[in-house]
């Protein structure tokens, strides 16, 4: 299961949004997620993927951009 698919499942589990309605390039706000819900989602995502989001990442507003950030953070840094 790729990162976008995992995110869709997390959103479904947490907010009971039908997975089939979640589109990778649609704004997360389109699913009725307010700022509090988005914060909850980000905490859940950090825990699930074992990553820490930098505070300065304001460009994460779709599943695709969130997945790209997660994949970027999960790549081991060169020693």
C-alpha atoms as a PDB file:
ATOM      1  CA  UNK A   1       0.000   0.000   0.000  1.00  0.00           C
ATOM      2  CA  UNK A   2       1.519   3.323  -1.035  1.00  0.00           C
ATOM      3  CA  UNK A   3       1.579   6.454   1.120  1.00  0.00           C
ATOM      4  CA  UNK A   4      -1.525   8.038  -0.449  1.00  0.00           C
ATOM      5  CA  UNK A   5      -3.510   4.844   0.086  1.00  0.00           C
ATOM      6  CA  UNK A   6      -2.364   4.668   3.703  1.00  0.00           C
ATOM      7  CA  UNK A   7      -3.406   8.302   4.205  1.00  0.00           C
ATOM      8  CA  UNK A   8      -6.829   7.588   2.726  1.00  0.00           C
ATOM      9  CA  UNK A   9      -7.286   4.724   5.169  1.00  0.00           C
ATOM     10  CA  UNK A  10      -6.186   6.887   8.116  1.00  0.00           C
ATOM     11  CA  UNK A  11      -8.661   9.608   7.132  1.00  0.00           C
ATOM     12  CA  UNK A  12     -11.409   7.038   6.781  1.00  0.00           C
ATOM     13  CA  UNK A  13     -10.627   5.514  10.176  1.00  0.00           C
ATOM     14  CA  UNK A  14     -10.375   8.861  11.984  1.00  0.00           C
ATOM     15  CA  UNK A  15     -13.110  10.911  10.278  1.00  0.00           C
ATOM     16  CA  UNK A  16     -15.328   8.219   8.685  1.00  0.00           C
ATOM     17  CA  UNK A  17     -14.909   9.684   5.209  1.00  0.00           C
ATOM     18  CA  UNK A  18     -15.541   7.197   2.411  1.00  0.00           C
ATOM     19  CA  UNK A  19     -12.185   6.183   0.912  1.00  0.00           C
ATOM     20  CA  UNK A  20     -13.637   6.167  -2.609  1.00  0.00           C
ATOM     21  CA  UNK A  21     -14.391   9.905  -2.340  1.00  0.00           C
ATOM     22  CA  UNK A  22     -10.828  10.858  -1.359  1.00  0.00           C
ATOM     23  CA  UNK A  23      -8.824  12.209  -4.290  1.00  0.00           C
ATOM     24  CA  UNK A  24      -5.064  12.722  -4.075  1.00  0.00           C
ATOM     25  CA  UNK A  25      -5.083  16.194  -5.663  1.00  0.00           C
ATOM     26  CA  UNK A  26      -8.204  17.637  -4.009  1.00  0.00           C
ATOM     27  CA  UNK A  27      -7.743  20.156  -1.174  1.00  0.00           C
ATOM     28  CA  UNK A  28      -8.182  18.526   2.222  1.00  0.00           C
ATOM     29  CA  UNK A  29     -10.654  21.276   3.104  1.00  0.00           C
ATOM     30  CA  UNK A  30     -12.984  19.816   0.448  1.00  0.00           C
ATOM     31  CA  UNK A  31     -13.661  16.935   2.826  1.00  0.00           C
ATOM     32  CA  UNK A  32     -14.947  19.168   5.605  1.00  0.00           C
ATOM     33  CA  UNK A  33     -11.735  19.058   7.616  1.00  0.00           C
ATOM     34  CA  UNK A  34     -11.381  22.287   9.573  1.00  0.00           C
ATOM     35  CA  UNK A  35      -8.112  23.503  11.096  1.00  0.00           C
ATOM     36  CA  UNK A  36      -8.616  21.445  14.264  1.00  0.00           C
ATOM     37  CA  UNK A  37      -9.357  18.314  12.239  1.00  0.00           C
ATOM     38  CA  UNK A  38      -6.279  18.932  10.096  1.00  0.00           C
ATOM     39  CA  UNK A  39      -4.134  19.291  13.220  1.00  0.00           C
ATOM     40  CA  UNK A  40      -5.548  16.001  14.551  1.00  0.00           C
ATOM     41  CA  UNK A  41      -4.835  14.365  11.210  1.00  0.00           C
ATOM     42  CA  UNK A  42      -1.243  15.593  11.191  1.00  0.00           C
ATOM     43  CA  UNK A  43      -0.645  14.225  14.703  1.00  0.00           C
ATOM     44  CA  UNK A  44      -2.103  10.881  13.634  1.00  0.00           C
ATOM     45  CA  UNK A  45       0.032  10.857  10.486  1.00  0.00           C
ATOM     46  CA  UNK A  46       3.200  11.701  12.432  1.00  0.00           C
ATOM     47  CA  UNK A  47       2.525   8.824  14.794  1.00  0.00           C
ATOM     48  CA  UNK A  48       1.560   6.341  12.068  1.00  0.00           C
ATOM     49  CA  UNK A  49       4.562   7.071   9.834  1.00  0.00           C
ATOM     50  CA  UNK A  50       6.982   7.889  12.679  1.00  0.00           C
ATOM     51  CA  UNK A  51       7.890  11.304  11.241  1.00  0.00           C
ATOM     52  CA  UNK A  52       8.019  14.843  12.597  1.00  0.00           C
ATOM     53  CA  UNK A  53       6.668  17.582  10.363  1.00  0.00           C
ATOM     54  CA  UNK A  54       8.666  20.803  10.222  1.00  0.00           C
ATOM     55  CA  UNK A  55       6.699  23.828  11.437  1.00  0.00           C
ATOM     56  CA  UNK A  56       7.374  25.789   8.253  1.00  0.00           C
ATOM     57  CA  UNK A  57       5.541  23.448   5.843  1.00  0.00           C
ATOM     58  CA  UNK A  58       2.418  25.387   4.911  1.00  0.00           C
ATOM     59  CA  UNK A  59       2.209  23.945   1.386  1.00  0.00           C
ATOM     60  CA  UNK A  60       0.648  20.659   2.500  1.00  0.00           C
ATOM     61  CA  UNK A  61      -2.999  20.955   1.506  1.00  0.00           C
ATOM     62  CA  UNK A  62      -3.699  17.803  -0.534  1.00  0.00           C
ATOM     63  CA  UNK A  63      -3.187  14.092   0.042  1.00  0.00           C
ATOM     64  CA  UNK A  64      -0.571  14.080  -2.718  1.00  0.00           C
ATOM     65  CA  UNK A  65       1.458  16.899  -1.139  1.00  0.00           C
ATOM     66  CA  UNK A  66       1.145  15.308   2.301  1.00  0.00           C
ATOM     67  CA  UNK A  67       2.274  11.939   0.916  1.00  0.00           C
ATOM     68  CA  UNK A  68       5.237  13.580  -0.840  1.00  0.00           C
ATOM     69  CA  UNK A  69       6.312  15.242   2.407  1.00  0.00           C
ATOM     70  CA  UNK A  70       5.989  11.962   4.327  1.00  0.00           C
ATOM     71  CA  UNK A  71       8.030  10.123   1.698  1.00  0.00           C
ATOM     72  CA  UNK A  72      10.664  12.890   1.820  1.00  0.00           C
ATOM     73  CA  UNK A  73      10.874  12.692   5.625  1.00  0.00           C
ATOM     74  CA  UNK A  74      11.087   8.913   5.627  1.00  0.00           C
ATOM     75  CA  UNK A  75      14.115   8.770   3.315  1.00  0.00           C
ATOM     76  CA  UNK A  76      17.175   8.153   5.476  1.00  0.00           C
ATOM     77  CA  UNK A  77      19.637  11.018   5.403  1.00  0.00           C
ATOM     78  CA  UNK A  78      23.117  10.174   4.145  1.00  0.00           C
ATOM     79  CA  UNK A  79      25.677   9.589   6.885  1.00  0.00           C
END
